[in-house]
Amino acid sequence: MKNSTELAAAVLAGEEPLFHPNTGKPLSEDFTLHPAAAAGLDVPRYCQLCGRRMVVQVRPDGWNAHCSRHGELDSDHLYEEALP
């Protein structure tokens, strides 16, 4: 298994996702989100680059998601970027 950082790099760079991180469906399709995902409270469960289901671990202080093709994304990275 290679240690790719492609997913983290795409998210941190603000690249437009190809697939919705809560449904795995292409963003070109119409779909409805459950209330938690619509409010932005659900963790990403699908890779935004390929739509594959990710292995997700929810911790008391955040979450960690891993795509077998595009690598790991940790909530710590997102919160560090938002801090002044």
PDB file of N, CA and C in Angstrom:
ATOM      1  N   MET A   1       0.835  -1.174   0.000  1.00  0.00           N
ATOM      2  CA  MET A   1       0.000   0.000   0.000  1.00  0.00           C
ATOM      3  C   MET A   1       0.879   1.237   0.000  1.00  0.00           C
ATOM      4  N   LYS A   2       0.646   2.131  -0.958  1.00  0.00           N
ATOM      5  CA  LYS A   2       1.462   3.340  -0.999  1.00  0.00           C
ATOM      6  C   LYS A   2       0.850   4.419  -0.113  1.00  0.00           C
ATOM      7  N   ASN A   3       1.683   5.296   0.384  1.00  0.00           N
ATOM      8  CA  ASN A   3       1.236   6.370   1.255  1.00  0.00           C
ATOM      9  C   ASN A   3       1.009   7.630   0.429  1.00  0.00           C
ATOM     10  N   SER A   4      -0.148   7.747  -0.181  1.00  0.00           N
ATOM     11  CA  SER A   4      -0.474   8.890  -1.007  1.00  0.00           C
ATOM     12  C   SER A   4      -1.008  10.032  -0.139  1.00  0.00           C
ATOM     13  N   THR A   5      -0.742  11.233  -0.556  1.00  0.00           N
ATOM     14  CA  THR A   5      -1.279  12.413   0.118  1.00  0.00           C
ATOM     15  C   THR A   5      -2.175  13.209  -0.843  1.00  0.00           C
ATOM     16  N   GLU A   6      -2.576  12.569  -1.915  1.00  0.00           N
ATOM     17  CA  GLU A   6      -3.346  13.231  -2.960  1.00  0.00           C
ATOM     18  C   GLU A   6      -4.679  13.783  -2.441  1.00  0.00           C
ATOM     19  N   LEU A   7      -5.394  13.019  -1.611  1.00  0.00           N
ATOM     20  CA  LEU A   7      -6.677  13.464  -1.087  1.00  0.00           C
ATOM     21  C   LEU A   7      -6.503  14.683  -0.183  1.00  0.00           C
ATOM     22  N   ALA A   8      -5.587  14.607   0.756  1.00  0.00           N
ATOM     23  CA  ALA A   8      -5.347  15.731   1.661  1.00  0.00           C
ATOM     24  C   ALA A   8      -4.922  16.974   0.881  1.00  0.00           C
ATOM     25  N   ALA A   9      -4.065  16.807  -0.107  1.00  0.00           N
ATOM     26  CA  ALA A   9      -3.604  17.944  -0.905  1.00  0.00           C
ATOM     27  C   ALA A   9      -4.767  18.592  -1.653  1.00  0.00           C
ATOM     28  N   ALA A  10      -5.665  17.776  -2.213  1.00  0.00           N
ATOM     29  CA  ALA A  10      -6.807  18.314  -2.960  1.00  0.00           C
ATOM     30  C   ALA A  10      -7.762  19.072  -2.039  1.00  0.00           C
ATOM     31  N   VAL A  11      -8.042  18.516  -0.871  1.00  0.00           N
ATOM     32  CA  VAL A  11      -8.964  19.168   0.067  1.00  0.00           C
ATOM     33  C   VAL A  11      -8.357  20.453   0.605  1.00  0.00           C
ATOM     34  N   LEU A  12      -7.096  20.413   0.998  1.00  0.00           N
ATOM     35  CA  LEU A  12      -6.455  21.600   1.562  1.00  0.00           C
ATOM     36  C   LEU A  12      -6.249  22.701   0.528  1.00  0.00           C
ATOM     37  N   ALA A  13      -6.128  22.316  -0.744  1.00  0.00           N
ATOM     38  CA  ALA A  13      -5.978  23.307  -1.815  1.00  0.00           C
ATOM     39  C   ALA A  13      -7.328  23.890  -2.229  1.00  0.00           C
ATOM     40  N   GLY A  14      -8.416  23.324  -1.699  1.00  0.00           N
ATOM     41  CA  GLY A  14      -9.744  23.824  -2.033  1.00  0.00           C
ATOM     42  C   GLY A  14     -10.230  23.411  -3.405  1.00  0.00           C
ATOM     43  N   GLU A  15      -9.680  22.319  -3.939  1.00  0.00           N
ATOM     44  CA  GLU A  15     -10.105  21.848  -5.255  1.00  0.00           C
ATOM     45  C   GLU A  15     -11.567  21.409  -5.218  1.00  0.00           C
ATOM     46  N   GLU A  16     -12.273  21.658  -6.302  1.00  0.00           N
ATOM     47  CA  GLU A  16     -13.670  21.264  -6.426  1.00  0.00           C
ATOM     48  C   GLU A  16     -13.763  19.732  -6.430  1.00  0.00           C
ATOM     49  N   PRO A  17     -14.568  19.145  -5.517  1.00  0.00           N
ATOM     50  CA  PRO A  17     -14.685  17.676  -5.487  1.00  0.00           C
ATOM     51  C   PRO A  17     -15.392  17.147  -6.730  1.00  0.00           C
ATOM     52  N   LEU A  18     -15.029  15.932  -7.123  1.00  0.00           N
ATOM     53  CA  LEU A  18     -15.698  15.254  -8.227  1.00  0.00           C
ATOM     54  C   LEU A  18     -16.881  14.435  -7.719  1.00  0.00           C
ATOM     55  N   PHE A  19     -16.754  13.935  -6.478  1.00  0.00           N
ATOM     56  CA  PHE A  19     -17.768  13.098  -5.859  1.00  0.00           C
ATOM     57  C   PHE A  19     -18.125  13.690  -4.499  1.00  0.00           C
ATOM     58  N   HIS A  20     -19.384  13.540  -4.097  1.00  0.00           N
ATOM     59  CA  HIS A  20     -19.812  14.090  -2.810  1.00  0.00           C
ATOM     60  C   HIS A  20     -19.238  13.243  -1.674  1.00  0.00           C
ATOM     61  N   PRO A  21     -18.615  13.872  -0.669  1.00  0.00           N
ATOM     62  CA  PRO A  21     -17.963  13.111   0.404  1.00  0.00           C
ATOM     63  C   PRO A  21     -18.915  12.373   1.342  1.00  0.00           C
ATOM     64  N   ASN A  22     -20.217  12.667   1.292  1.00  0.00           N
ATOM     65  CA  ASN A  22     -21.163  11.956   2.144  1.00  0.00           C
ATOM     66  C   ASN A  22     -21.986  10.914   1.411  1.00  0.00           C
ATOM     67  N   THR A  23     -22.042  10.995   0.085  1.00  0.00           N
ATOM     68  CA  THR A  23     -22.842  10.032  -0.680  1.00  0.00           C
ATOM     69  C   THR A  23     -22.003   9.191  -1.637  1.00  0.00           C
ATOM     70  N   GLY A  24     -20.874   9.717  -2.083  1.00  0.00           N
ATOM     71  CA  GLY A  24     -20.047   9.027  -3.068  1.00  0.00           C
ATOM     72  C   GLY A  24     -20.558   9.190  -4.487  1.00  0.00           C
ATOM     73  N   LYS A  25     -21.638   9.937  -4.658  1.00  0.00           N
ATOM     74  CA  LYS A  25     -22.215  10.128  -5.988  1.00  0.00           C
ATOM     75  C   LYS A  25     -21.530  11.294  -6.696  1.00  0.00           C
ATOM     76  N   PRO A  26     -21.427  11.214  -8.024  1.00  0.00           N
ATOM     77  CA  PRO A  26     -20.862  12.337  -8.769  1.00  0.00           C
ATOM     78  C   PRO A  26     -21.667  13.608  -8.501  1.00  0.00           C
ATOM     79  N   LEU A  27     -20.986  14.736  -8.392  1.00  0.00           N
ATOM     80  CA  LEU A  27     -21.680  15.981  -8.100  1.00  0.00           C
ATOM     81  C   LEU A  27     -22.590  16.418  -9.238  1.00  0.00           C
ATOM     82  N   SER A  28     -22.434  15.806 -10.405  1.00  0.00           N
ATOM     83  CA  SER A  28     -23.297  16.136 -11.540  1.00  0.00           C
ATOM     84  C   SER A  28     -24.695  15.530 -11.385  1.00  0.00           C
ATOM     85  N   GLU A  29     -24.864  14.561 -10.475  1.00  0.00           N
ATOM     86  CA  GLU A  29     -26.167  13.924 -10.242  1.00  0.00           C
ATOM     87  C   GLU A  29     -26.940  14.666  -9.168  1.00  0.00           C
ATOM     88  N   ASP A  30     -28.265  14.544  -9.223  1.00  0.00           N
ATOM     89  CA  ASP A  30     -29.109  15.105  -8.167  1.00  0.00           C
ATOM     90  C   ASP A  30     -29.245  14.081  -7.043  1.00  0.00           C
ATOM     91  N   PHE A  31     -29.181  14.539  -5.807  1.00  0.00           N
ATOM     92  CA  PHE A  31     -29.355  13.664  -4.650  1.00  0.00           C
ATOM     93  C   PHE A  31     -29.744  14.495  -3.447  1.00  0.00           C
ATOM     94  N   THR A  32     -30.297  13.835  -2.454  1.00  0.00           N
ATOM     95  CA  THR A  32     -30.645  14.530  -1.207  1.00  0.00           C
ATOM     96  C   THR A  32     -29.740  14.023  -0.100  1.00  0.00           C
ATOM     97  N   LEU A  33     -29.382  14.920   0.778  1.00  0.00           N
ATOM     98  CA  LEU A  33     -28.531  14.571   1.912  1.00  0.00           C
ATOM     99  C   LEU A  33     -29.372  14.407   3.158  1.00  0.00           C
ATOM    100  N   HIS A  34     -28.920  13.526   4.049  1.00  0.00           N
ATOM    101  CA  HIS A  34     -29.603  13.425   5.338  1.00  0.00           C
ATOM    102  C   HIS A  34     -29.285  14.691   6.134  1.00  0.00           C
ATOM    103  N   PRO A  35     -30.084  15.027   7.142  1.00  0.00           N
ATOM    104  CA  PRO A  35     -29.941  16.310   7.839  1.00  0.00           C
ATOM    105  C   PRO A  35     -28.545  16.602   8.401  1.00  0.00           C
ATOM    106  N   ALA A  36     -27.874  15.597   8.959  1.00  0.00           N
ATOM    107  CA  ALA A  36     -26.538  15.838   9.529  1.00  0.00           C
ATOM    108  C   ALA A  36     -25.535  16.228   8.439  1.00  0.00           C
ATOM    109  N   ALA A  37     -25.595  15.560   7.299  1.00  0.00           N
ATOM    110  CA  ALA A  37     -24.682  15.888   6.197  1.00  0.00           C
ATOM    111  C   ALA A  37     -25.018  17.255   5.613  1.00  0.00           C
ATOM    112  N   ALA A  38     -26.298  17.548   5.497  1.00  0.00           N
ATOM    113  CA  ALA A  38     -26.705  18.849   4.958  1.00  0.00           C
ATOM    114  C   ALA A  38     -26.240  19.990   5.863  1.00  0.00           C
ATOM    115  N   ALA A  39     -26.175  19.739   7.157  1.00  0.00           N
ATOM    116  CA  ALA A  39     -25.731  20.761   8.108  1.00  0.00           C
ATOM    117  C   ALA A  39     -24.208  20.818   8.225  1.00  0.00           C
ATOM    118  N   GLY A  40     -23.506  19.911   7.550  1.00  0.00           N
ATOM    119  CA  GLY A  40     -22.051  19.889   7.607  1.00  0.00           C
ATOM    120  C   GLY A  40     -21.502  19.211   8.853  1.00  0.00           C
ATOM    121  N   LEU A  41     -22.320  18.396   9.506  1.00  0.00           N
ATOM    122  CA  LEU A  41     -21.914  17.754  10.753  1.00  0.00           C
ATOM    123  C   LEU A  41     -21.423  16.324  10.579  1.00  0.00           C
ATOM    124  N   ASP A  42     -21.609  15.738   9.410  1.00  0.00           N
ATOM    125  CA  ASP A  42     -21.200  14.357   9.173  1.00  0.00           C
ATOM    126  C   ASP A  42     -19.774  14.319   8.632  1.00  0.00           C
ATOM    127  N   VAL A  43     -19.019  13.285   9.004  1.00  0.00           N
ATOM    128  CA  VAL A  43     -17.657  13.141   8.500  1.00  0.00           C
ATOM    129  C   VAL A  43     -17.701  12.634   7.062  1.00  0.00           C
ATOM    130  N   PRO A  44     -16.667  12.925   6.255  1.00  0.00           N
ATOM    131  CA  PRO A  44     -16.654  12.410   4.887  1.00  0.00           C
ATOM    132  C   PRO A  44     -16.494  10.891   4.904  1.00  0.00           C
ATOM    133  N   ARG A  45     -17.317  10.203   4.173  1.00  0.00           N
ATOM    134  CA  ARG A  45     -17.274   8.746   4.142  1.00  0.00           C
ATOM    135  C   ARG A  45     -16.856   8.208   2.771  1.00  0.00           C
ATOM    136  N   TYR A  46     -16.805   9.104   1.784  1.00  0.00           N
ATOM    137  CA  TYR A  46     -16.412   8.724   0.425  1.00  0.00           C
ATOM    138  C   TYR A  46     -15.326   9.679  -0.051  1.00  0.00           C
ATOM    139  N   CYS A  47     -14.399   9.147  -0.828  1.00  0.00           N
ATOM    140  CA  CYS A  47     -13.311   9.957  -1.378  1.00  0.00           C
ATOM    141  C   CYS A  47     -13.888  10.933  -2.398  1.00  0.00           C
ATOM    142  N   GLN A  48     -13.514  12.198  -2.279  1.00  0.00           N
ATOM    143  CA  GLN A  48     -14.033  13.193  -3.217  1.00  0.00           C
ATOM    144  C   GLN A  48     -13.331  13.127  -4.570  1.00  0.00           C
ATOM    145  N   LEU A  49     -12.270  12.344  -4.678  1.00  0.00           N
ATOM    146  CA  LEU A  49     -11.558  12.221  -5.955  1.00  0.00           C
ATOM    147  C   LEU A  49     -12.028  11.026  -6.777  1.00  0.00           C
ATOM    148  N   CYS A  50     -12.408   9.917  -6.102  1.00  0.00           N
ATOM    149  CA  CYS A  50     -12.787   8.715  -6.849  1.00  0.00           C
ATOM    150  C   CYS A  50     -14.144   8.138  -6.455  1.00  0.00           C
ATOM    151  N   GLY A  51     -14.742   8.611  -5.364  1.00  0.00           N
ATOM    152  CA  GLY A  51     -16.051   8.126  -4.946  1.00  0.00           C
ATOM    153  C   GLY A  51     -16.028   6.808  -4.190  1.00  0.00           C
ATOM    154  N   ARG A  52     -14.830   6.276  -3.909  1.00  0.00           N
ATOM    155  CA  ARG A  52     -14.737   5.011  -3.160  1.00  0.00           C
ATOM    156  C   ARG A  52     -15.060   5.237  -1.695  1.00  0.00           C
ATOM    157  N   ARG A  53     -15.646   4.224  -1.079  1.00  0.00           N
ATOM    158  CA  ARG A  53     -15.924   4.259   0.358  1.00  0.00           C
ATOM    159  C   ARG A  53     -14.592   4.264   1.096  1.00  0.00           C
ATOM    160  N   MET A  54     -14.467   5.138   2.092  1.00  0.00           N
ATOM    161  CA  MET A  54     -13.225   5.232   2.855  1.00  0.00           C
ATOM    162  C   MET A  54     -13.383   4.550   4.215  1.00  0.00           C
ATOM    163  N   VAL A  55     -12.257   4.166   4.787  1.00  0.00           N
ATOM    164  CA  VAL A  55     -12.222   3.674   6.150  1.00  0.00           C
ATOM    165  C   VAL A  55     -12.156   4.906   7.043  1.00  0.00           C
ATOM    166  N   VAL A  56     -13.139   5.069   7.928  1.00  0.00           N
ATOM    167  CA  VAL A  56     -13.229   6.268   8.757  1.00  0.00           C
ATOM    168  C   VAL A  56     -13.181   5.882  10.230  1.00  0.00           C
ATOM    169  N   GLN A  57     -12.368   6.605  10.977  1.00  0.00           N
ATOM    170  CA  GLN A  57     -12.317   6.419  12.427  1.00  0.00           C
ATOM    171  C   GLN A  57     -12.690   7.752  13.068  1.00  0.00           C
ATOM    172  N   VAL A  58     -13.741   7.712  13.882  1.00  0.00           N
ATOM    173  CA  VAL A  58     -14.169   8.904  14.605  1.00  0.00           C
ATOM    174  C   VAL A  58     -13.564   8.841  16.001  1.00  0.00           C
ATOM    175  N   ARG A  59     -12.888   9.923  16.366  1.00  0.00           N
ATOM    176  CA  ARG A  59     -12.232  10.022  17.672  1.00  0.00           C
ATOM    177  C   ARG A  59     -12.936  11.091  18.497  1.00  0.00           C
ATOM    178  N   PRO A  60     -12.676  11.141  19.791  1.00  0.00           N
ATOM    179  CA  PRO A  60     -13.264  12.210  20.605  1.00  0.00           C
ATOM    180  C   PRO A  60     -12.842  13.611  20.141  1.00  0.00           C
ATOM    181  N   ASP A  61     -11.663  13.719  19.548  1.00  0.00           N
ATOM    182  CA  ASP A  61     -11.164  15.030  19.128  1.00  0.00           C
ATOM    183  C   ASP A  61     -11.234  15.264  17.621  1.00  0.00           C
ATOM    184  N   GLY A  62     -11.916  14.423  16.882  1.00  0.00           N
ATOM    185  CA  GLY A  62     -12.015  14.600  15.432  1.00  0.00           C
ATOM    186  C   GLY A  62     -12.233  13.295  14.711  1.00  0.00           C
ATOM    187  N   TRP A  63     -11.691  13.180  13.500  1.00  0.00           N
ATOM    188  CA  TRP A  63     -11.846  11.972  12.697  1.00  0.00           C
ATOM    189  C   TRP A  63     -10.652  11.816  11.758  1.00  0.00           C
ATOM    190  N   ASN A  64     -10.531  10.600  11.221  1.00  0.00           N
ATOM    191  CA  ASN A  64      -9.493  10.256  10.268  1.00  0.00           C
ATOM    192  C   ASN A  64     -10.150   9.409   9.191  1.00  0.00           C
ATOM    193  N   ALA A  65      -9.946   9.753   7.928  1.00  0.00           N
ATOM    194  CA  ALA A  65     -10.524   9.000   6.815  1.00  0.00           C
ATOM    195  C   ALA A  65      -9.398   8.563   5.879  1.00  0.00           C
ATOM    196  N   HIS A  66      -9.499   7.344   5.358  1.00  0.00           N
ATOM    197  CA  HIS A  66      -8.444   6.812   4.497  1.00  0.00           C
ATOM    198  C   HIS A  66      -9.040   6.196   3.233  1.00  0.00           C
ATOM    199  N   CYS A  67      -8.613   6.709   2.076  1.00  0.00           N
ATOM    200  CA  CYS A  67      -8.968   6.134   0.768  1.00  0.00           C
ATOM    201  C   CYS A  67      -7.827   5.218   0.347  1.00  0.00           C
ATOM    202  N   SER A  68      -8.162   4.036  -0.119  1.00  0.00           N
ATOM    203  CA  SER A  68      -7.126   3.076  -0.507  1.00  0.00           C
ATOM    204  C   SER A  68      -6.295   3.565  -1.692  1.00  0.00           C
ATOM    205  N   ARG A  69      -6.819   4.482  -2.489  1.00  0.00           N
ATOM    206  CA  ARG A  69      -6.087   5.006  -3.642  1.00  0.00           C
ATOM    207  C   ARG A  69      -5.445   6.373  -3.417  1.00  0.00           C
ATOM    208  N   HIS A  70      -6.133   7.238  -2.662  1.00  0.00           N
ATOM    209  CA  HIS A  70      -5.686   8.625  -2.573  1.00  0.00           C
ATOM    210  C   HIS A  70      -5.177   9.059  -1.211  1.00  0.00           C
ATOM    211  N   GLY A  71      -5.103   8.141  -0.266  1.00  0.00           N
ATOM    212  CA  GLY A  71      -4.461   8.444   0.999  1.00  0.00           C
ATOM    213  C   GLY A  71      -5.389   8.905   2.104  1.00  0.00           C
ATOM    214  N   GLU A  72      -4.797   9.582   3.061  1.00  0.00           N
ATOM    215  CA  GLU A  72      -5.451   9.900   4.322  1.00  0.00           C
ATOM    216  C   GLU A  72      -5.822  11.372   4.428  1.00  0.00           C
ATOM    217  N   LEU A  73      -6.926  11.615   5.111  1.00  0.00           N
ATOM    218  CA  LEU A  73      -7.357  12.966   5.441  1.00  0.00           C
ATOM    219  C   LEU A  73      -7.734  12.966   6.908  1.00  0.00           C
ATOM    220  N   ASP A  74      -7.184  13.892   7.661  1.00  0.00           N
ATOM    221  CA  ASP A  74      -7.449  13.981   9.093  1.00  0.00           C
ATOM    222  C   ASP A  74      -8.109  15.321   9.387  1.00  0.00           C
ATOM    223  N   SER A  75      -9.092  15.314  10.258  1.00  0.00           N
ATOM    224  CA  SER A  75      -9.786  16.558  10.601  1.00  0.00           C
ATOM    225  C   SER A  75      -8.832  17.583  11.199  1.00  0.00           C
ATOM    226  N   ASP A  76      -7.759  17.146  11.818  1.00  0.00           N
ATOM    227  CA  ASP A  76      -6.770  18.075  12.379  1.00  0.00           C
ATOM    228  C   ASP A  76      -6.210  18.999  11.300  1.00  0.00           C
ATOM    229  N   HIS A  77      -6.003  18.474  10.089  1.00  0.00           N
ATOM    230  CA  HIS A  77      -5.485  19.288   8.992  1.00  0.00           C
ATOM    231  C   HIS A  77      -6.447  20.405   8.634  1.00  0.00           C
ATOM    232  N   LEU A  78      -7.730  20.108   8.649  1.00  0.00           N
ATOM    233  CA  LEU A  78      -8.737  21.107   8.273  1.00  0.00           C
ATOM    234  C   LEU A  78      -8.861  22.198   9.318  1.00  0.00           C
ATOM    235  N   TYR A  79      -8.807  21.807  10.592  1.00  0.00           N
ATOM    236  CA  TYR A  79      -8.943  22.786  11.665  1.00  0.00           C
ATOM    237  C   TYR A  79      -7.700  23.651  11.795  1.00  0.00           C
ATOM    238  N   GLU A  80      -6.532  23.095  11.515  1.00  0.00           N
ATOM    239  CA  GLU A  80      -5.288  23.883  11.565  1.00  0.00           C
ATOM    240  C   GLU A  80      -5.317  24.976  10.510  1.00  0.00           C
ATOM    241  N   GLU A  81      -5.867  24.655   9.323  1.00  0.00           N
ATOM    242  CA  GLU A  81      -5.953  25.635   8.239  1.00  0.00           C
ATOM    243  C   GLU A  81      -6.897  26.764   8.587  1.00  0.00           C
ATOM    244  N   ALA A  82      -7.944  26.471   9.387  1.00  0.00           N
ATOM    245  CA  ALA A  82      -8.947  27.484   9.706  1.00  0.00           C
ATOM    246  C   ALA A  82      -8.497  28.410  10.837  1.00  0.00           C
ATOM    247  N   LEU A  83      -7.521  28.014  11.609  1.00  0.00           N
ATOM    248  CA  LEU A  83      -7.073  28.830  12.729  1.00  0.00           C
ATOM    249  C   LEU A  83      -6.210  29.998  12.235  1.00  0.00           C
ATOM    250  N   PRO A  84      -6.320  31.165  12.882  1.00  0.00           N
ATOM    251  CA  PRO A  84      -5.507  32.329  12.449  1.00  0.00           C
ATOM    252  C   PRO A  84      -4.046  32.166  12.812  1.00  0.00           C
TER     253      PRO A  84
END
